[in-house]
Structures are given as structure tokens and as C-alpha cells.
Amino acid sequence: MAAQRRRHFTLIRDFSLADLITLANGFAGTGSILATLQYMDTRDRRILWLAFALPPLAMVLDFLDGRVARWRHRASPLGRELDSLADLISFGVAPAVLAFAVGLRGAWDAVVLVYFVSCGLSRLARYNVTAEELADESGKVKYFEGTPIPTSVILVAFLALLTWYDAIGVNLPLGRIRILGGAFHPLVLVFAVSGSAMISKTLRIPKW
């Protein structure tokens, strides 16, 4: 019986400090999504600002977890997978949900936002598979193929700027058009460009 009790929560006890920081990244992204949904229900701009603030916090945590893992020499396959899952939430799903909340809700907008998240997912999966091939003798990856998914924080900042100037909802720049019966906001193309850059094999971004 005592042996069984010792097995409880063994996965959590095996997490390193870097893994816990990575989990905090995922918590921040999830918090942003929930805050965005709350904003859509209440229209309270204070909650929307909280949703905008959490992805940058997640980016700071994403930066720290790798540094802590190297400092403590505790990098692991588990940590790498956790990092990708947390990044998908914080820098893929959360920005797309924010975009939807501020007015990119047309049928074609949704297609582009799904494409953006799918690009982020594909980019993370490809990195996990190719990281060892791209690493040097020390095990460090010198560059990213395609833009890293945390660069989507730039999109979050852009949406926050639009919100500051009350250029959301019906006031979104570039307006709205109809294509085959579905609404399309040309502004959503910034997400298409960002997603396409993430899955590019020709873009090489140095990794610090």
C-alpha cells in the first residue's frame, strides 16, 4: 500500500524547474484564451487587455525555460515536447482567438486563422524532428528554419494597438468584403503571412 502511495503524482515530481516554467507558459496562453472568451461574453475591455498581456508573459517564460534547462543541465525530450505544446497554446491558438474576438469572424477569416494555427503546429513538429539534424557538436541549434512561433506576439501587439485606437469590430482597417457568400476581412492576411513564414524552409533565423 505504501508503495502505491509513493507512485502518486510521480510525473509531476519528475518535472524539472525548466519544465515548471514551461508549464507556466502554457498556463499563460490558456489564461489568455479564457480571458478572451470572457471578453466576448461581457465586452469588458479590461479583460481583453489581460488577454493581450498574457502572451508576452508566455514569451518571457518561453525564453527562460531554455536558459534554465541549460544552466541546470536538465534538458530532456519531455521538456522539448512540453515546450512545443505550451507554445502552440500561447503563440498559436491564443493569438487566433484574440483575432476572432476583435472582429475577424468571417467564414474566410476563420479559414485563415485555422491555417495560421496549423502552420504553427506544423512548424513545431518539424522543429522537434529536425532539431538534432540542425544541432552543432555542442548540441545547440544555430538557426530556425522558418520564423519561430513566438514571433506571433507581434500580431498580438498589433491587435492591441488596434484596440487602443478603437479600430476593432466594425471599425477594423481595410473593411470587409464578401467572397462566395462568406465574409472576409483583408486584415486577416497578416495571419496568413505569419503562418506561411513559420513553415518556410528557406527562411533561416539565427538562434541566440
C-alpha atoms as a PDB file:
ATOM      1  CA  MET A   1       0.000   0.000   0.000  1.00  0.00           C
ATOM      2  CA  ALA A   2       2.837   2.387   0.851  1.00  0.00           C
ATOM      3  CA  ALA A   3       4.495   1.583  -2.481  1.00  0.00           C
ATOM      4  CA  GLN A   4       1.285   2.518  -4.302  1.00  0.00           C
ATOM      5  CA  ARG A   5       1.086   5.847  -2.468  1.00  0.00           C
ATOM      6  CA  ARG A   6       4.638   6.680  -3.471  1.00  0.00           C
ATOM      7  CA  ARG A   7       3.665   6.321  -7.146  1.00  0.00           C
ATOM      8  CA  HIS A   8       1.020   9.052  -6.952  1.00  0.00           C
ATOM      9  CA  PHE A   9       1.940  12.189  -8.927  1.00  0.00           C
ATOM     10  CA  THR A  10       5.280  10.714  -9.971  1.00  0.00           C
ATOM     11  CA  LEU A  11       5.114  12.586 -13.289  1.00  0.00           C
ATOM     12  CA  ILE A  12       4.776  15.947 -11.526  1.00  0.00           C
ATOM     13  CA  ARG A  13       7.606  15.102  -9.127  1.00  0.00           C
ATOM     14  CA  ASP A  14       9.822  14.299 -12.117  1.00  0.00           C
ATOM     15  CA  PHE A  15       9.384  17.780 -13.606  1.00  0.00           C
ATOM     16  CA  SER A  16      12.483  19.957 -13.504  1.00  0.00           C
ATOM     17  CA  LEU A  17      12.432  23.680 -12.777  1.00  0.00           C
ATOM     18  CA  ALA A  18      12.612  24.363 -16.516  1.00  0.00           C
ATOM     19  CA  ASP A  19       9.584  22.107 -17.085  1.00  0.00           C
ATOM     20  CA  LEU A  20       7.593  24.038 -14.481  1.00  0.00           C
ATOM     21  CA  ILE A  21       8.455  27.304 -16.237  1.00  0.00           C
ATOM     22  CA  THR A  22       7.290  25.747 -19.494  1.00  0.00           C
ATOM     23  CA  LEU A  23       4.015  24.758 -17.855  1.00  0.00           C
ATOM     24  CA  ALA A  24       3.622  28.360 -16.691  1.00  0.00           C
ATOM     25  CA  ASN A  25       3.979  29.375 -20.345  1.00  0.00           C
ATOM     26  CA  GLY A  26       1.058  27.092 -21.191  1.00  0.00           C
ATOM     27  CA  PHE A  27      -0.947  28.433 -18.246  1.00  0.00           C
ATOM     28  CA  ALA A  28      -0.445  31.998 -19.523  1.00  0.00           C
ATOM     29  CA  GLY A  29      -1.628  31.028 -23.007  1.00  0.00           C
ATOM     30  CA  THR A  30      -4.659  29.213 -21.638  1.00  0.00           C
ATOM     31  CA  GLY A  31      -5.431  32.203 -19.417  1.00  0.00           C
ATOM     32  CA  SER A  32      -5.320  34.462 -22.471  1.00  0.00           C
ATOM     33  CA  ILE A  33      -7.822  32.243 -24.297  1.00  0.00           C
ATOM     34  CA  LEU A  34     -10.198  32.141 -21.333  1.00  0.00           C
ATOM     35  CA  ALA A  35      -9.926  35.898 -20.805  1.00  0.00           C
ATOM     36  CA  THR A  36     -10.706  36.447 -24.482  1.00  0.00           C
ATOM     37  CA  LEU A  37     -13.804  34.276 -24.228  1.00  0.00           C
ATOM     38  CA  GLN A  38     -14.849  36.195 -21.127  1.00  0.00           C
ATOM     39  CA  TYR A  39     -14.431  39.455 -23.038  1.00  0.00           C
ATOM     40  CA  MET A  40     -16.666  38.166 -25.825  1.00  0.00           C
ATOM     41  CA  ASP A  41     -19.330  37.488 -23.212  1.00  0.00           C
ATOM     42  CA  THR A  42     -19.016  40.690 -21.165  1.00  0.00           C
ATOM     43  CA  ARG A  43     -17.413  43.207 -23.579  1.00  0.00           C
ATOM     44  CA  ASP A  44     -15.264  44.375 -20.685  1.00  0.00           C
ATOM     45  CA  ARG A  45     -12.144  45.873 -22.281  1.00  0.00           C
ATOM     46  CA  ARG A  46     -10.159  45.374 -19.063  1.00  0.00           C
ATOM     47  CA  ILE A  47     -10.436  41.617 -19.545  1.00  0.00           C
ATOM     48  CA  LEU A  48      -9.360  41.972 -23.165  1.00  0.00           C
ATOM     49  CA  TRP A  49      -6.243  43.858 -22.058  1.00  0.00           C
ATOM     50  CA  LEU A  50      -5.449  40.984 -19.716  1.00  0.00           C
ATOM     51  CA  ALA A  51      -5.777  38.615 -22.666  1.00  0.00           C
ATOM     52  CA  PHE A  52      -3.328  40.773 -24.642  1.00  0.00           C
ATOM     53  CA  ALA A  53      -0.840  40.862 -21.746  1.00  0.00           C
ATOM     54  CA  LEU A  54      -0.554  37.115 -21.188  1.00  0.00           C
ATOM     55  CA  PRO A  55       1.091  36.026 -24.499  1.00  0.00           C
ATOM     56  CA  PRO A  56       4.056  38.400 -23.939  1.00  0.00           C
ATOM     57  CA  LEU A  57       4.383  36.930 -20.443  1.00  0.00           C
ATOM     58  CA  ALA A  58       4.353  33.479 -22.044  1.00  0.00           C
ATOM     59  CA  MET A  59       7.153  34.598 -24.383  1.00  0.00           C
ATOM     60  CA  VAL A  60       9.295  35.652 -21.411  1.00  0.00           C
ATOM     61  CA  LEU A  61       8.673  32.268 -19.796  1.00  0.00           C
ATOM     62  CA  ASP A  62       9.488  30.523 -23.087  1.00  0.00           C
ATOM     63  CA  PHE A  63      12.813  32.358 -23.154  1.00  0.00           C
ATOM     64  CA  LEU A  64      13.566  31.472 -19.542  1.00  0.00           C
ATOM     65  CA  ASP A  65      12.826  27.756 -19.651  1.00  0.00           C
ATOM     66  CA  GLY A  66      15.577  27.031 -22.177  1.00  0.00           C
ATOM     67  CA  ARG A  67      18.073  29.135 -20.255  1.00  0.00           C
ATOM     68  CA  VAL A  68      17.230  27.386 -17.009  1.00  0.00           C
ATOM     69  CA  ALA A  69      17.443  23.941 -18.638  1.00  0.00           C
ATOM     70  CA  ARG A  70      20.929  24.683 -19.950  1.00  0.00           C
ATOM     71  CA  TRP A  71      22.021  26.279 -16.677  1.00  0.00           C
ATOM     72  CA  ARG A  72      20.942  23.221 -14.703  1.00  0.00           C
ATOM     73  CA  HIS A  73      21.914  20.732 -17.426  1.00  0.00           C
ATOM     74  CA  ARG A  74      18.412  19.261 -17.324  1.00  0.00           C
ATOM     75  CA  ALA A  75      17.321  19.423 -20.965  1.00  0.00           C
ATOM     76  CA  SER A  76      15.181  16.390 -21.855  1.00  0.00           C
ATOM     77  CA  PRO A  77      12.830  15.046 -24.549  1.00  0.00           C
ATOM     78  CA  LEU A  78       9.959  15.611 -22.102  1.00  0.00           C
ATOM     79  CA  GLY A  79      10.889  19.270 -21.766  1.00  0.00           C
ATOM     80  CA  ARG A  80      11.089  19.673 -25.535  1.00  0.00           C
ATOM     81  CA  GLU A  81       7.622  18.203 -26.024  1.00  0.00           C
ATOM     82  CA  LEU A  82       6.187  20.304 -23.202  1.00  0.00           C
ATOM     83  CA  ASP A  83       7.716  23.390 -24.776  1.00  0.00           C
ATOM     84  CA  SER A  84       6.083  22.711 -28.139  1.00  0.00           C
ATOM     85  CA  LEU A  85       2.662  22.055 -26.626  1.00  0.00           C
ATOM     86  CA  ALA A  86       2.817  25.198 -24.482  1.00  0.00           C
ATOM     87  CA  ASP A  87       3.989  27.272 -27.457  1.00  0.00           C
ATOM     88  CA  LEU A  88       1.116  26.036 -29.602  1.00  0.00           C
ATOM     89  CA  ILE A  89      -1.367  27.230 -26.987  1.00  0.00           C
ATOM     90  CA  SER A  90       0.293  30.572 -26.196  1.00  0.00           C
ATOM     91  CA  PHE A  91       1.510  31.605 -29.652  1.00  0.00           C
ATOM     92  CA  GLY A  92      -0.814  29.693 -31.977  1.00  0.00           C
ATOM     93  CA  VAL A  93      -4.287  29.279 -30.515  1.00  0.00           C
ATOM     94  CA  ALA A  94      -4.328  32.354 -28.229  1.00  0.00           C
ATOM     95  CA  PRO A  95      -3.487  34.912 -30.990  1.00  0.00           C
ATOM     96  CA  ALA A  96      -6.052  33.312 -33.318  1.00  0.00           C
ATOM     97  CA  VAL A  97      -8.761  33.504 -30.640  1.00  0.00           C
ATOM     98  CA  LEU A  98      -7.832  37.135 -29.945  1.00  0.00           C
ATOM     99  CA  ALA A  99      -8.114  37.934 -33.657  1.00  0.00           C
ATOM    100  CA  PHE A 100     -11.550  36.318 -33.770  1.00  0.00           C
ATOM    101  CA  ALA A 101     -12.653  38.277 -30.695  1.00  0.00           C
ATOM    102  CA  VAL A 102     -11.679  41.685 -32.075  1.00  0.00           C
ATOM    103  CA  GLY A 103     -13.652  41.178 -35.256  1.00  0.00           C
ATOM    104  CA  LEU A 104     -12.014  38.728 -37.675  1.00  0.00           C
ATOM    105  CA  ARG A 105     -15.059  36.470 -37.592  1.00  0.00           C
ATOM    106  CA  GLY A 106     -15.999  35.966 -41.208  1.00  0.00           C
ATOM    107  CA  ALA A 107     -16.114  32.493 -42.710  1.00  0.00           C
ATOM    108  CA  TRP A 108     -12.952  33.155 -44.728  1.00  0.00           C
ATOM    109  CA  ASP A 109     -11.305  34.784 -41.726  1.00  0.00           C
ATOM    110  CA  ALA A 110     -11.849  31.543 -39.834  1.00  0.00           C
ATOM    111  CA  VAL A 111     -10.206  29.571 -42.650  1.00  0.00           C
ATOM    112  CA  VAL A 112      -7.126  31.815 -42.473  1.00  0.00           C
ATOM    113  CA  LEU A 113      -6.954  31.609 -38.664  1.00  0.00           C
ATOM    114  CA  VAL A 114      -7.165  27.805 -38.805  1.00  0.00           C
ATOM    115  CA  TYR A 115      -4.395  27.878 -41.417  1.00  0.00           C
ATOM    116  CA  PHE A 116      -2.287  30.055 -39.098  1.00  0.00           C
ATOM    117  CA  VAL A 117      -2.670  27.650 -36.160  1.00  0.00           C
ATOM    118  CA  SER A 118      -1.975  24.666 -38.442  1.00  0.00           C
ATOM    119  CA  CYS A 119       1.221  26.331 -39.642  1.00  0.00           C
ATOM    120  CA  GLY A 120       2.301  26.841 -36.041  1.00  0.00           C
ATOM    121  CA  LEU A 121       1.574  23.201 -35.267  1.00  0.00           C
ATOM    122  CA  SER A 122       3.490  22.033 -38.332  1.00  0.00           C
ATOM    123  CA  ARG A 123       6.418  24.303 -37.572  1.00  0.00           C
ATOM    124  CA  LEU A 124       6.743  22.984 -34.012  1.00  0.00           C
ATOM    125  CA  ALA A 125       6.500  19.369 -35.125  1.00  0.00           C
ATOM    126  CA  ARG A 126       9.139  19.901 -37.816  1.00  0.00           C
ATOM    127  CA  TYR A 127      11.488  21.574 -35.352  1.00  0.00           C
ATOM    128  CA  ASN A 128      11.175  18.660 -32.918  1.00  0.00           C
ATOM    129  CA  VAL A 129      12.025  16.211 -35.683  1.00  0.00           C
ATOM    130  CA  THR A 130      14.897  18.198 -37.228  1.00  0.00           C
ATOM    131  CA  ALA A 131      16.458  19.747 -34.090  1.00  0.00           C
ATOM    132  CA  GLU A 132      19.104  17.039 -33.827  1.00  0.00           C
ATOM    133  CA  GLU A 133      19.991  17.343 -37.510  1.00  0.00           C
ATOM    134  CA  LEU A 134      20.428  21.123 -37.201  1.00  0.00           C
ATOM    135  CA  ALA A 135      22.432  20.966 -33.971  1.00  0.00           C
ATOM    136  CA  ASP A 136      26.203  21.503 -33.877  1.00  0.00           C
ATOM    137  CA  GLU A 137      28.743  19.440 -31.914  1.00  0.00           C
ATOM    138  CA  SER A 138      27.656  21.036 -28.635  1.00  0.00           C
ATOM    139  CA  GLY A 139      24.046  20.083 -29.266  1.00  0.00           C
ATOM    140  CA  LYS A 140      22.931  23.676 -29.809  1.00  0.00           C
ATOM    141  CA  VAL A 141      20.734  24.569 -32.783  1.00  0.00           C
ATOM    142  CA  LYS A 142      22.273  27.515 -34.614  1.00  0.00           C
ATOM    143  CA  TYR A 143      19.221  28.678 -36.561  1.00  0.00           C
ATOM    144  CA  PHE A 144      15.490  28.189 -37.034  1.00  0.00           C
ATOM    145  CA  GLU A 145      14.013  27.063 -40.344  1.00  0.00           C
ATOM    146  CA  GLY A 146      11.104  29.458 -40.693  1.00  0.00           C
ATOM    147  CA  THR A 147      10.134  32.070 -38.134  1.00  0.00           C
ATOM    148  CA  PRO A 148       9.742  30.776 -34.555  1.00  0.00           C
ATOM    149  CA  ILE A 149       6.137  30.615 -33.405  1.00  0.00           C
ATOM    150  CA  PRO A 150       6.674  33.117 -30.526  1.00  0.00           C
ATOM    151  CA  THR A 151       7.005  35.823 -33.202  1.00  0.00           C
ATOM    152  CA  SER A 152       3.187  35.778 -33.261  1.00  0.00           C
ATOM    153  CA  VAL A 153       3.408  38.036 -30.198  1.00  0.00           C
ATOM    154  CA  ILE A 154       3.948  40.778 -32.803  1.00  0.00           C
ATOM    155  CA  LEU A 155       0.435  40.033 -34.079  1.00  0.00           C
ATOM    156  CA  VAL A 156      -0.903  40.233 -30.529  1.00  0.00           C
ATOM    157  CA  ALA A 157       0.769  43.641 -30.134  1.00  0.00           C
ATOM    158  CA  PHE A 158      -0.765  44.738 -33.447  1.00  0.00           C
ATOM    159  CA  LEU A 159      -4.236  43.695 -32.293  1.00  0.00           C
ATOM    160  CA  ALA A 160      -3.670  45.507 -29.006  1.00  0.00           C
ATOM    161  CA  LEU A 161      -2.719  48.666 -30.930  1.00  0.00           C
ATOM    162  CA  LEU A 162      -5.920  48.429 -32.970  1.00  0.00           C
ATOM    163  CA  THR A 163      -7.878  48.042 -29.746  1.00  0.00           C
ATOM    164  CA  TRP A 164      -6.168  51.095 -28.244  1.00  0.00           C
ATOM    165  CA  TYR A 165      -7.363  53.165 -31.218  1.00  0.00           C
ATOM    166  CA  ASP A 166     -10.806  51.523 -31.144  1.00  0.00           C
ATOM    167  CA  ALA A 167     -10.193  50.109 -34.622  1.00  0.00           C
ATOM    168  CA  ILE A 168     -11.815  46.739 -33.912  1.00  0.00           C
ATOM    169  CA  GLY A 169     -15.186  45.190 -34.685  1.00  0.00           C
ATOM    170  CA  VAL A 170     -16.929  47.184 -37.409  1.00  0.00           C
ATOM    171  CA  ASN A 171     -14.040  49.675 -37.347  1.00  0.00           C
ATOM    172  CA  LEU A 172     -11.356  47.209 -38.466  1.00  0.00           C
ATOM    173  CA  PRO A 173      -8.989  48.711 -41.071  1.00  0.00           C
ATOM    174  CA  LEU A 174      -9.481  47.682 -44.724  1.00  0.00           C
ATOM    175  CA  GLY A 175     -13.127  46.828 -44.130  1.00  0.00           C
ATOM    176  CA  ARG A 176     -14.906  43.632 -45.111  1.00  0.00           C
ATOM    177  CA  ILE A 177     -15.790  42.021 -48.422  1.00  0.00           C
ATOM    178  CA  ARG A 178     -17.958  39.065 -49.436  1.00  0.00           C
ATOM    179  CA  ILE A 179     -16.488  36.094 -51.274  1.00  0.00           C
ATOM    180  CA  LEU A 180     -18.846  33.301 -52.358  1.00  0.00           C
ATOM    181  CA  GLY A 181     -21.284  34.324 -49.657  1.00  0.00           C
ATOM    182  CA  GLY A 182     -18.676  34.371 -46.873  1.00  0.00           C
ATOM    183  CA  ALA A 183     -17.255  37.431 -45.120  1.00  0.00           C
ATOM    184  CA  PHE A 184     -13.541  38.209 -45.468  1.00  0.00           C
ATOM    185  CA  HIS A 185     -11.519  40.919 -43.757  1.00  0.00           C
ATOM    186  CA  PRO A 186      -8.330  41.637 -45.769  1.00  0.00           C
ATOM    187  CA  LEU A 187      -6.618  42.428 -42.449  1.00  0.00           C
ATOM    188  CA  VAL A 188      -6.594  38.706 -41.640  1.00  0.00           C
ATOM    189  CA  LEU A 189      -3.923  38.238 -44.297  1.00  0.00           C
ATOM    190  CA  VAL A 190      -1.298  39.275 -41.726  1.00  0.00           C
ATOM    191  CA  PHE A 191      -2.024  35.931 -40.059  1.00  0.00           C
ATOM    192  CA  ALA A 192      -1.666  34.132 -43.390  1.00  0.00           C
ATOM    193  CA  VAL A 193       1.720  35.783 -43.954  1.00  0.00           C
ATOM    194  CA  SER A 194       2.879  34.967 -40.412  1.00  0.00           C
ATOM    195  CA  GLY A 195       1.802  31.340 -40.747  1.00  0.00           C
ATOM    196  CA  SER A 196       3.479  30.958 -44.129  1.00  0.00           C
ATOM    197  CA  ALA A 197       6.718  32.408 -42.739  1.00  0.00           C
ATOM    198  CA  MET A 198       6.677  29.834 -39.943  1.00  0.00           C
ATOM    199  CA  ILE A 199       6.613  26.887 -42.332  1.00  0.00           C
ATOM    200  CA  SER A 200       9.174  28.310 -44.764  1.00  0.00           C
ATOM    201  CA  LYS A 201      12.277  26.171 -45.294  1.00  0.00           C
ATOM    202  CA  THR A 202      14.180  28.986 -46.993  1.00  0.00           C
ATOM    203  CA  LEU A 203      13.942  31.475 -44.112  1.00  0.00           C
ATOM    204  CA  ARG A 204      16.766  30.869 -41.642  1.00  0.00           C
ATOM    205  CA  ILE A 205      16.563  32.808 -38.405  1.00  0.00           C
ATOM    206  CA  PRO A 206      19.667  32.763 -36.155  1.00  0.00           C
ATOM    207  CA  LYS A 207      19.015  31.297 -32.717  1.00  0.00           C
ATOM    208  CA  TRP A 208      20.605  33.033 -29.733  1.00  0.00           C
END
